[in-house]
PDB file of N, CA and C in Angstrom:
ATOM      1  N   MET A   1      12.574  11.192  -8.568  1.00  0.00           N
ATOM      2  CA  MET A   1      12.414   9.659  -8.984  1.00  0.00           C
ATOM      3  C   MET A   1      10.941   9.877  -9.712  1.00  0.00           C
ATOM      4  N   THR A   2      11.005   9.219 -11.013  1.00  0.00           N
ATOM      5  CA  THR A   2       9.955   9.053 -11.788  1.00  0.00           C
ATOM      6  C   THR A   2       9.047   7.656 -11.504  1.00  0.00           C
ATOM      7  N   LYS A   3       7.917   7.726 -12.167  1.00  0.00           N
ATOM      8  CA  LYS A   3       7.192   6.413 -12.076  1.00  0.00           C
ATOM      9  C   LYS A   3       8.093   5.172 -12.581  1.00  0.00           C
ATOM     10  N   ALA A   4       8.585   5.655 -14.024  1.00  0.00           N
ATOM     11  CA  ALA A   4       9.493   4.581 -14.451  1.00  0.00           C
ATOM     12  C   ALA A   4      10.442   4.133 -13.810  1.00  0.00           C
ATOM     13  N   GLU A   5      11.117   4.888 -13.193  1.00  0.00           N
ATOM     14  CA  GLU A   5      12.314   4.652 -12.102  1.00  0.00           C
ATOM     15  C   GLU A   5      11.917   3.853 -11.002  1.00  0.00           C
ATOM     16  N   ILE A   6      10.546   4.094 -10.247  1.00  0.00           N
ATOM     17  CA  ILE A   6      10.082   3.331  -9.380  1.00  0.00           C
ATOM     18  C   ILE A   6       9.845   1.920  -9.800  1.00  0.00           C
ATOM     19  N   VAL A   7       9.192   1.780 -11.165  1.00  0.00           N
ATOM     20  CA  VAL A   7       8.810   0.360 -11.580  1.00  0.00           C
ATOM     21  C   VAL A   7      10.166  -0.365 -11.769  1.00  0.00           C
ATOM     22  N   ALA A   8      11.103   0.349 -12.318  1.00  0.00           N
ATOM     23  CA  ALA A   8      12.581  -0.321 -12.570  1.00  0.00           C
ATOM     24  C   ALA A   8      13.135  -0.879 -11.209  1.00  0.00           C
ATOM     25  N   GLU A   9      13.153   0.208 -10.305  1.00  0.00           N
ATOM     26  CA  GLU A   9      13.599  -0.317  -8.978  1.00  0.00           C
ATOM     27  C   GLU A   9      12.782  -1.436  -8.320  1.00  0.00           C
ATOM     28  N   ILE A  10      11.630  -1.510  -8.395  1.00  0.00           N
ATOM     29  CA  ILE A  10      10.859  -2.594  -7.929  1.00  0.00           C
ATOM     30  C   ILE A  10      11.054  -3.857  -8.616  1.00  0.00           C
ATOM     31  N   ALA A  11      11.162  -3.734  -9.914  1.00  0.00           N
ATOM     32  CA  ALA A  11      11.509  -4.817 -10.734  1.00  0.00           C
ATOM     33  C   ALA A  11      12.862  -5.624 -10.311  1.00  0.00           C
ATOM     34  N   ASN A  12      13.704  -4.755 -10.246  1.00  0.00           N
ATOM     35  CA  ASN A  12      15.120  -5.062  -9.940  1.00  0.00           C
ATOM     36  C   ASN A  12      15.218  -5.999  -8.484  1.00  0.00           C
ATOM     37  N   LYS A  13      14.504  -5.297  -7.585  1.00  0.00           N
ATOM     38  CA  LYS A  13      14.545  -5.879  -6.140  1.00  0.00           C
ATOM     39  C   LYS A  13      13.656  -7.102  -6.052  1.00  0.00           C
ATOM     40  N   THR A  14      12.610  -7.211  -6.770  1.00  0.00           N
ATOM     41  CA  THR A  14      12.008  -8.484  -6.705  1.00  0.00           C
ATOM     42  C   THR A  14      11.973  -9.571  -7.734  1.00  0.00           C
ATOM     43  N   GLY A  15      12.491  -8.998  -8.936  1.00  0.00           N
ATOM     44  CA  GLY A  15      12.673 -10.283 -10.008  1.00  0.00           C
ATOM     45  C   GLY A  15      11.273 -10.438 -10.693  1.00  0.00           C
ATOM     46  N   ILE A  16      10.446  -9.452 -10.321  1.00  0.00           N
ATOM     47  CA  ILE A  16       9.213  -9.622 -11.220  1.00  0.00           C
ATOM     48  C   ILE A  16       9.312  -8.736 -12.433  1.00  0.00           C
ATOM     49  N   GLU A  17       8.817  -9.135 -13.511  1.00  0.00           N
ATOM     50  CA  GLU A  17       8.913  -8.389 -14.830  1.00  0.00           C
ATOM     51  C   GLU A  17       8.328  -7.033 -14.738  1.00  0.00           C
ATOM     52  N   LYS A  18       8.940  -5.996 -15.596  1.00  0.00           N
ATOM     53  CA  LYS A  18       8.542  -4.603 -15.380  1.00  0.00           C
ATOM     54  C   LYS A  18       7.041  -4.449 -15.848  1.00  0.00           C
ATOM     55  N   VAL A  19       6.581  -5.120 -16.760  1.00  0.00           N
ATOM     56  CA  VAL A  19       5.125  -5.122 -17.202  1.00  0.00           C
ATOM     57  C   VAL A  19       4.266  -5.348 -16.164  1.00  0.00           C
ATOM     58  N   THR A  20       4.581  -6.273 -15.253  1.00  0.00           N
ATOM     59  CA  THR A  20       3.511  -6.672 -14.109  1.00  0.00           C
ATOM     60  C   THR A  20       3.759  -5.700 -13.164  1.00  0.00           C
ATOM     61  N   VAL A  21       5.055  -5.145 -12.674  1.00  0.00           N
ATOM     62  CA  VAL A  21       5.099  -4.191 -11.750  1.00  0.00           C
ATOM     63  C   VAL A  21       4.588  -2.853 -12.161  1.00  0.00           C
ATOM     64  N   GLN A  22       4.413  -2.559 -13.553  1.00  0.00           N
ATOM     65  CA  GLN A  22       4.003  -1.245 -14.043  1.00  0.00           C
ATOM     66  C   GLN A  22       2.316  -1.443 -13.919  1.00  0.00           C
ATOM     67  N   ALA A  23       1.737  -2.509 -14.162  1.00  0.00           N
ATOM     68  CA  ALA A  23       0.424  -2.658 -14.039  1.00  0.00           C
ATOM     69  C   ALA A  23      -0.081  -2.658 -12.466  1.00  0.00           C
ATOM     70  N   THR A  24       0.789  -3.134 -11.585  1.00  0.00           N
ATOM     71  CA  THR A  24       0.371  -3.058 -10.072  1.00  0.00           C
ATOM     72  C   THR A  24       0.594  -1.778  -9.451  1.00  0.00           C
ATOM     73  N   VAL A  25       1.691  -0.905 -10.101  1.00  0.00           N
ATOM     74  CA  VAL A  25       1.812   0.417  -9.594  1.00  0.00           C
ATOM     75  C   VAL A  25       0.576   1.362 -10.107  1.00  0.00           C
ATOM     76  N   GLU A  26       0.319   1.202 -11.489  1.00  0.00           N
ATOM     77  CA  GLU A  26      -0.918   1.849 -11.984  1.00  0.00           C
ATOM     78  C   GLU A  26      -2.171   1.473 -11.101  1.00  0.00           C
ATOM     79  N   ALA A  27      -2.427   0.293 -10.794  1.00  0.00           N
ATOM     80  CA  ALA A  27      -3.526  -0.159 -10.180  1.00  0.00           C
ATOM     81  C   ALA A  27      -3.635   0.393  -8.803  1.00  0.00           C
ATOM     82  N   PHE A  28      -2.346   0.558  -8.024  1.00  0.00           N
ATOM     83  CA  PHE A  28      -2.341   1.018  -6.778  1.00  0.00           C
ATOM     84  C   PHE A  28      -2.617   2.544  -6.807  1.00  0.00           C
ATOM     85  N   MET A  29      -2.110   3.335  -7.680  1.00  0.00           N
ATOM     86  CA  MET A  29      -2.449   4.899  -7.740  1.00  0.00           C
ATOM     87  C   MET A  29      -3.858   5.037  -8.134  1.00  0.00           C
ATOM     88  N   GLU A  30      -4.406   4.101  -8.996  1.00  0.00           N
ATOM     89  CA  GLU A  30      -5.783   4.195  -9.466  1.00  0.00           C
ATOM     90  C   GLU A  30      -6.711   4.063  -8.203  1.00  0.00           C
ATOM     91  N   THR A  31      -6.456   3.008  -7.243  1.00  0.00           N
ATOM     92  CA  THR A  31      -7.142   2.575  -6.260  1.00  0.00           C
ATOM     93  C   THR A  31      -7.221   3.748  -5.363  1.00  0.00           C
ATOM     94  N   ILE A  32      -6.091   4.489  -4.914  1.00  0.00           N
ATOM     95  CA  ILE A  32      -5.965   5.440  -4.009  1.00  0.00           C
ATOM     96  C   ILE A  32      -6.755   6.592  -4.587  1.00  0.00           C
ATOM     97  N   LYS A  33      -6.683   6.868  -5.987  1.00  0.00           N
ATOM     98  CA  LYS A  33      -7.383   8.072  -6.392  1.00  0.00           C
ATOM     99  C   LYS A  33      -8.836   7.829  -6.382  1.00  0.00           C
ATOM    100  N   ASN A  34      -9.246   6.691  -6.699  1.00  0.00           N
ATOM    101  CA  ASN A  34     -10.739   6.308  -6.612  1.00  0.00           C
ATOM    102  C   ASN A  34     -11.262   6.514  -5.268  1.00  0.00           C
ATOM    103  N   ALA A  35     -10.575   6.032  -4.313  1.00  0.00           N
ATOM    104  CA  ALA A  35     -10.996   6.088  -2.848  1.00  0.00           C
ATOM    105  C   ALA A  35     -11.238   7.708  -2.485  1.00  0.00           C
ATOM    106  N   MET A  36     -10.092   8.325  -2.833  1.00  0.00           N
ATOM    107  CA  MET A  36     -10.333   9.851  -2.522  1.00  0.00           C
ATOM    108  C   MET A  36     -11.412  10.667  -3.257  1.00  0.00           C
ATOM    109  N   VAL A  37     -11.610  10.181  -4.437  1.00  0.00           N
ATOM    110  CA  VAL A  37     -12.776  10.723  -5.242  1.00  0.00           C
ATOM    111  C   VAL A  37     -13.984  10.465  -4.703  1.00  0.00           C
ATOM    112  N   THR A  38     -14.232   9.377  -4.012  1.00  0.00           N
ATOM    113  CA  THR A  38     -15.517   8.919  -3.313  1.00  0.00           C
ATOM    114  C   THR A  38     -15.618   9.319  -1.798  1.00  0.00           C
ATOM    115  N   GLY A  39     -14.548  10.111  -1.478  1.00  0.00           N
ATOM    116  CA  GLY A  39     -14.480  10.868   0.180  1.00  0.00           C
ATOM    117  C   GLY A  39     -13.718   9.910   0.937  1.00  0.00           C
ATOM    118  N   GLU A  40     -13.240   8.872   0.585  1.00  0.00           N
ATOM    119  CA  GLU A  40     -12.448   8.117   1.585  1.00  0.00           C
ATOM    120  C   GLU A  40     -10.905   8.523   1.743  1.00  0.00           C
ATOM    121  N   ASN A  41     -10.369   8.540   3.095  1.00  0.00           N
ATOM    122  CA  ASN A  41      -9.121   8.642   3.119  1.00  0.00           C
ATOM    123  C   ASN A  41      -8.264   7.355   3.173  1.00  0.00           C
ATOM    124  N   VAL A  42      -6.961   7.426   2.656  1.00  0.00           N
ATOM    125  CA  VAL A  42      -6.119   6.110   2.614  1.00  0.00           C
ATOM    126  C   VAL A  42      -5.193   6.321   3.650  1.00  0.00           C
ATOM    127  N   TYR A  43      -4.968   5.100   4.505  1.00  0.00           N
ATOM    128  CA  TYR A  43      -3.839   5.132   5.415  1.00  0.00           C
ATOM    129  C   TYR A  43      -2.933   4.197   5.124  1.00  0.00           C
ATOM    130  N   LEU A  44      -1.687   4.229   5.118  1.00  0.00           N
ATOM    131  CA  LEU A  44      -0.693   3.373   4.935  1.00  0.00           C
ATOM    132  C   LEU A  44       0.202   3.328   5.947  1.00  0.00           C
ATOM    133  N   ARG A  45       0.199   2.487   6.971  1.00  0.00           N
ATOM    134  CA  ARG A  45       0.868   2.406   8.193  1.00  0.00           C
ATOM    135  C   ARG A  45       2.384   2.151   8.013  1.00  0.00           C
ATOM    136  N   GLY A  46       3.140   3.408   8.557  1.00  0.00           N
ATOM    137  CA  GLY A  46       4.571   3.609   8.443  1.00  0.00           C
ATOM    138  C   GLY A  46       5.090   4.045   6.978  1.00  0.00           C
ATOM    139  N   PHE A  47       4.091   4.740   6.342  1.00  0.00           N
ATOM    140  CA  PHE A  47       4.268   5.485   5.033  1.00  0.00           C
ATOM    141  C   PHE A  47       3.681   6.942   5.257  1.00  0.00           C
ATOM    142  N   GLY A  48       2.346   6.891   5.281  1.00  0.00           N
ATOM    143  CA  GLY A  48       1.700   7.990   5.523  1.00  0.00           C
ATOM    144  C   GLY A  48       0.189   7.847   5.208  1.00  0.00           C
ATOM    145  N   SER A  49      -0.443   9.168   5.034  1.00  0.00           N
ATOM    146  CA  SER A  49      -1.983   9.163   4.845  1.00  0.00           C
ATOM    147  C   SER A  49      -2.254  10.098   3.865  1.00  0.00           C
ATOM    148  N   PHE A  50      -3.132   9.639   2.700  1.00  0.00           N
ATOM    149  CA  PHE A  50      -3.688  10.534   1.867  1.00  0.00           C
ATOM    150  C   PHE A  50      -4.932  10.946   2.312  1.00  0.00           C
ATOM    151  N   THR A  51      -5.272  12.384   2.526  1.00  0.00           N
ATOM    152  CA  THR A  51      -6.431  12.640   3.151  1.00  0.00           C
ATOM    153  C   THR A  51      -7.093  13.666   2.334  1.00  0.00           C
ATOM    154  N   ILE A  52      -8.342  14.064   2.508  1.00  0.00           N
ATOM    155  CA  ILE A  52      -8.978  15.049   1.615  1.00  0.00           C
ATOM    156  C   ILE A  52      -9.137  16.347   2.578  1.00  0.00           C
ATOM    157  N   LYS A  53      -8.567  17.491   2.140  1.00  0.00           N
ATOM    158  CA  LYS A  53      -8.623  18.659   2.901  1.00  0.00           C
ATOM    159  C   LYS A  53      -9.663  19.611   2.345  1.00  0.00           C
ATOM    160  N   LYS A  54     -10.630  20.189   3.308  1.00  0.00           N
ATOM    161  CA  LYS A  54     -11.770  21.068   2.957  1.00  0.00           C
ATOM    162  C   LYS A  54     -11.247  22.430   2.887  1.00  0.00           C
ATOM    163  N   ARG A  55     -11.162  23.192   1.808  1.00  0.00           N
ATOM    164  CA  ARG A  55     -10.830  24.667   1.661  1.00  0.00           C
ATOM    165  C   ARG A  55     -12.136  25.382   1.840  1.00  0.00           C
ATOM    166  N   ALA A  56     -12.235  26.229   2.746  1.00  0.00           N
ATOM    167  CA  ALA A  56     -13.337  27.276   3.020  1.00  0.00           C
ATOM    168  C   ALA A  56     -13.509  28.366   1.603  1.00  0.00           C
ATOM    169  N   GLU A  57     -14.663  29.017   1.777  1.00  0.00           N
ATOM    170  CA  GLU A  57     -14.900  29.921   0.505  1.00  0.00           C
ATOM    171  C   GLU A  57     -14.138  31.015   1.026  1.00  0.00           C
ATOM    172  N   LYS A  58     -13.400  31.786  -0.026  1.00  0.00           N
ATOM    173  CA  LYS A  58     -12.720  32.877   0.367  1.00  0.00           C
ATOM    174  C   LYS A  58     -12.790  33.885  -0.976  1.00  0.00           C
ATOM    175  N   THR A  59     -12.192  35.061  -0.558  1.00  0.00           N
ATOM    176  CA  THR A  59     -12.354  36.151  -1.545  1.00  0.00           C
ATOM    177  C   THR A  59     -10.906  36.270  -2.054  1.00  0.00           C
ATOM    178  N   GLY A  60     -10.937  36.455  -3.495  1.00  0.00           N
ATOM    179  CA  GLY A  60      -9.594  36.570  -4.104  1.00  0.00           C
ATOM    180  C   GLY A  60      -9.729  37.780  -5.094  1.00  0.00           C
ATOM    181  N   ARG A  61      -8.670  38.050  -5.817  1.00  0.00           N
ATOM    182  CA  ARG A  61      -8.521  39.206  -6.661  1.00  0.00           C
ATOM    183  C   ARG A  61      -7.985  38.753  -7.915  1.00  0.00           C
ATOM    184  N   ASN A  62      -8.642  39.322  -8.966  1.00  0.00           N
ATOM    185  CA  ASN A  62      -8.092  39.143 -10.372  1.00  0.00           C
ATOM    186  C   ASN A  62      -7.369  40.310 -10.734  1.00  0.00           C
ATOM    187  N   ILE A  63      -6.023  40.292 -10.464  1.00  0.00           N
ATOM    188  CA  ILE A  63      -5.160  41.623 -10.801  1.00  0.00           C
ATOM    189  C   ILE A  63      -5.138  42.121 -12.194  1.00  0.00           C
ATOM    190  N   SER A  64      -5.418  41.260 -13.285  1.00  0.00           N
ATOM    191  CA  SER A  64      -5.385  41.749 -14.485  1.00  0.00           C
ATOM    192  C   SER A  64      -6.696  42.580 -14.807  1.00  0.00           C
ATOM    193  N   LYS A  65      -7.705  42.364 -14.167  1.00  0.00           N
ATOM    194  CA  LYS A  65      -9.051  42.936 -14.496  1.00  0.00           C
ATOM    195  C   LYS A  65      -9.136  43.887 -13.156  1.00  0.00           C
ATOM    196  N   ASN A  66      -8.501  43.960 -12.220  1.00  0.00           N
ATOM    197  CA  ASN A  66      -8.764  44.768 -10.930  1.00  0.00           C
ATOM    198  C   ASN A  66      -9.926  44.362 -10.212  1.00  0.00           C
ATOM    199  N   THR A  67     -10.486  43.129 -10.168  1.00  0.00           N
ATOM    200  CA  THR A  67     -11.824  42.791  -9.710  1.00  0.00           C
ATOM    201  C   THR A  67     -11.627  41.797  -8.550  1.00  0.00           C
ATOM    202  N   THR A  68     -12.602  41.651  -7.777  1.00  0.00           N
ATOM    203  CA  THR A  68     -12.615  40.753  -6.626  1.00  0.00           C
ATOM    204  C   THR A  68     -13.665  39.538  -7.086  1.00  0.00           C
ATOM    205  N   ILE A  69     -13.162  38.378  -6.709  1.00  0.00           N
ATOM    206  CA  ILE A  69     -13.890  37.172  -6.969  1.00  0.00           C
ATOM    207  C   ILE A  69     -14.137  36.285  -5.870  1.00  0.00           C
ATOM    208  N   ILE A  70     -15.053  35.641  -5.879  1.00  0.00           N
ATOM    209  CA  ILE A  70     -15.391  34.693  -4.782  1.00  0.00           C
ATOM    210  C   ILE A  70     -14.904  33.243  -5.193  1.00  0.00           C
ATOM    211  N   ILE A  71     -13.882  32.504  -4.404  1.00  0.00           N
ATOM    212  CA  ILE A  71     -13.373  31.360  -4.608  1.00  0.00           C
ATOM    213  C   ILE A  71     -14.242  30.128  -3.786  1.00  0.00           C
ATOM    214  N   PRO A  72     -14.901  29.571  -4.563  1.00  0.00           N
ATOM    215  CA  PRO A  72     -15.835  28.526  -3.758  1.00  0.00           C
ATOM    216  C   PRO A  72     -15.296  27.558  -2.756  1.00  0.00           C
ATOM    217  N   ALA A  73     -16.043  27.089  -1.886  1.00  0.00           N
ATOM    218  CA  ALA A  73     -15.311  26.218  -1.053  1.00  0.00           C
ATOM    219  C   ALA A  73     -15.023  24.824  -1.837  1.00  0.00           C
ATOM    220  N   HIS A  74     -13.803  24.131  -1.521  1.00  0.00           N
ATOM    221  CA  HIS A  74     -13.636  22.907  -2.422  1.00  0.00           C
ATOM    222  C   HIS A  74     -12.788  22.111  -1.516  1.00  0.00           C
ATOM    223  N   ASN A  75     -12.554  20.845  -2.161  1.00  0.00           N
ATOM    224  CA  ASN A  75     -11.780  19.809  -1.599  1.00  0.00           C
ATOM    225  C   ASN A  75     -10.533  19.601  -2.205  1.00  0.00           C
ATOM    226  N   ILE A  76      -9.147  19.394  -1.666  1.00  0.00           N
ATOM    227  CA  ILE A  76      -8.153  19.062  -2.352  1.00  0.00           C
ATOM    228  C   ILE A  76      -7.484  17.819  -1.505  1.00  0.00           C
ATOM    229  N   PRO A  77      -6.705  16.986  -2.417  1.00  0.00           N
ATOM    230  CA  PRO A  77      -5.842  15.952  -1.867  1.00  0.00           C
ATOM    231  C   PRO A  77      -4.649  16.317  -1.283  1.00  0.00           C
ATOM    232  N   ALA A  78      -4.410  15.779  -0.183  1.00  0.00           N
ATOM    233  CA  ALA A  78      -3.163  16.005   0.712  1.00  0.00           C
ATOM    234  C   ALA A  78      -2.412  14.702   1.109  1.00  0.00           C
ATOM    235  N   PHE A  79      -1.194  14.702   1.430  1.00  0.00           N
ATOM    236  CA  PHE A  79      -0.226  13.748   1.788  1.00  0.00           C
ATOM    237  C   PHE A  79       0.351  14.105   2.982  1.00  0.00           C
ATOM    238  N   LYS A  80       0.183  13.294   4.206  1.00  0.00           N
ATOM    239  CA  LYS A  80       0.860  13.573   5.422  1.00  0.00           C
ATOM    240  C   LYS A  80       1.585  12.289   5.719  1.00  0.00           C
ATOM    241  N   PRO A  81       3.093  12.346   5.470  1.00  0.00           N
ATOM    242  CA  PRO A  81       3.979  11.234   6.035  1.00  0.00           C
ATOM    243  C   PRO A  81       3.903  10.839   7.321  1.00  0.00           C
ATOM    244  N   ALA A  82       4.042   9.663   7.566  1.00  0.00           N
ATOM    245  CA  ALA A  82       4.204   9.156   8.757  1.00  0.00           C
ATOM    246  C   ALA A  82       5.384   9.456   9.551  1.00  0.00           C
ATOM    247  N   LYS A  83       5.130   9.433  10.902  1.00  0.00           N
ATOM    248  CA  LYS A  83       6.326  10.035  11.885  1.00  0.00           C
ATOM    249  C   LYS A  83       7.551   9.208  11.482  1.00  0.00           C
ATOM    250  N   THR A  84       7.474   7.942  11.504  1.00  0.00           N
ATOM    251  CA  THR A  84       8.660   7.146  11.202  1.00  0.00           C
ATOM    252  C   THR A  84       9.156   7.817   9.867  1.00  0.00           C
ATOM    253  N   PHE A  85       8.487   7.688   8.652  1.00  0.00           N
ATOM    254  CA  PHE A  85       8.792   8.088   7.492  1.00  0.00           C
ATOM    255  C   PHE A  85       9.736   9.675   7.695  1.00  0.00           C
ATOM    256  N   VAL A  86       9.295  10.525   8.285  1.00  0.00           N
ATOM    257  CA  VAL A  86       9.787  11.876   8.496  1.00  0.00           C
ATOM    258  C   VAL A  86      11.039  11.856   9.278  1.00  0.00           C
ATOM    259  N   ILE A  87      11.186  11.001  10.282  1.00  0.00           N
ATOM    260  CA  ILE A  87      12.293  10.882  11.093  1.00  0.00           C
ATOM    261  C   ILE A  87      13.505  10.127  10.057  1.00  0.00           C
ATOM    262  N   GLU A  88      13.098   9.133   9.388  1.00  0.00           N
ATOM    263  CA  GLU A  88      14.042   8.556   8.444  1.00  0.00           C
ATOM    264  C   GLU A  88      14.565   9.563   7.343  1.00  0.00           C
ATOM    265  N   VAL A  89      13.760  10.415   6.824  1.00  0.00           N
ATOM    266  CA  VAL A  89      14.356  11.176   5.817  1.00  0.00           C
ATOM    267  C   VAL A  89      15.254  12.336   6.443  1.00  0.00           C
ATOM    268  N   LYS A  90      14.826  12.829   7.812  1.00  0.00           N
ATOM    269  CA  LYS A  90      15.502  13.773   8.467  1.00  0.00           C
ATOM    270  C   LYS A  90      16.838  13.206   8.541  1.00  0.00           C
ATOM    271  N   ASP A  91      16.858  12.132   9.281  1.00  0.00           N
ATOM    272  CA  ASP A  91      18.337  11.431   9.502  1.00  0.00           C
ATOM    273  C   ASP A  91      19.160  11.276   8.443  1.00  0.00           C
ATOM    274  N   HIS A  92      18.650  10.770   7.213  1.00  0.00           N
ATOM    275  CA  HIS A  92      19.378  10.450   6.177  1.00  0.00           C
ATOM    276  C   HIS A  92      19.884  11.716   5.494  1.00  0.00           C
ATOM    277  N   VAL A  93      18.928  12.801   5.259  1.00  0.00           N
ATOM    278  CA  VAL A  93      19.468  14.022   4.713  1.00  0.00           C
ATOM    279  C   VAL A  93      20.568  14.834   5.482  1.00  0.00           C
ATOM    280  N   ASN A  94      20.370  14.585   6.836  1.00  0.00           N
ATOM    281  CA  ASN A  94      21.478  15.337   7.569  1.00  0.00           C
ATOM    282  C   ASN A  94      22.848  14.665   7.594  1.00  0.00           C
ATOM    283  N   VAL A  95      22.763  13.335   7.210  1.00  0.00           N
ATOM    284  CA  VAL A  95      24.040  12.593   7.079  1.00  0.00           C
ATOM    285  C   VAL A  95      24.982  12.982   5.989  1.00  0.00           C
ATOM    286  N   LYS A  96      24.255  13.288   4.910  1.00  0.00           N
ATOM    287  CA  LYS A  96      24.744  13.885   3.647  1.00  0.00           C
ATOM    288  C   LYS A  96      25.753  15.041   3.810  1.00  0.00           C
TER     289      LYS A  96
END
């Protein structure tokens, strides 16, 4: 499902104009992104958590040059779905 499809679905369910829904969805995503950039986790009860995971420094290989490189420690965004979300998806997928 694309962002445009999500906007269309919300507009159909709520009766709100697509332009307004588009702005709301964009603002929602921007708010989550800005929070995570500043180091905050975002928790949406019943949906899931957007968290920051820390990756330790590690040694990697550049196989084209046959050299070893150091990959510095860094943070990456991650999403962990809520337990109810996981159960609902599992139950629905198994029915099909």
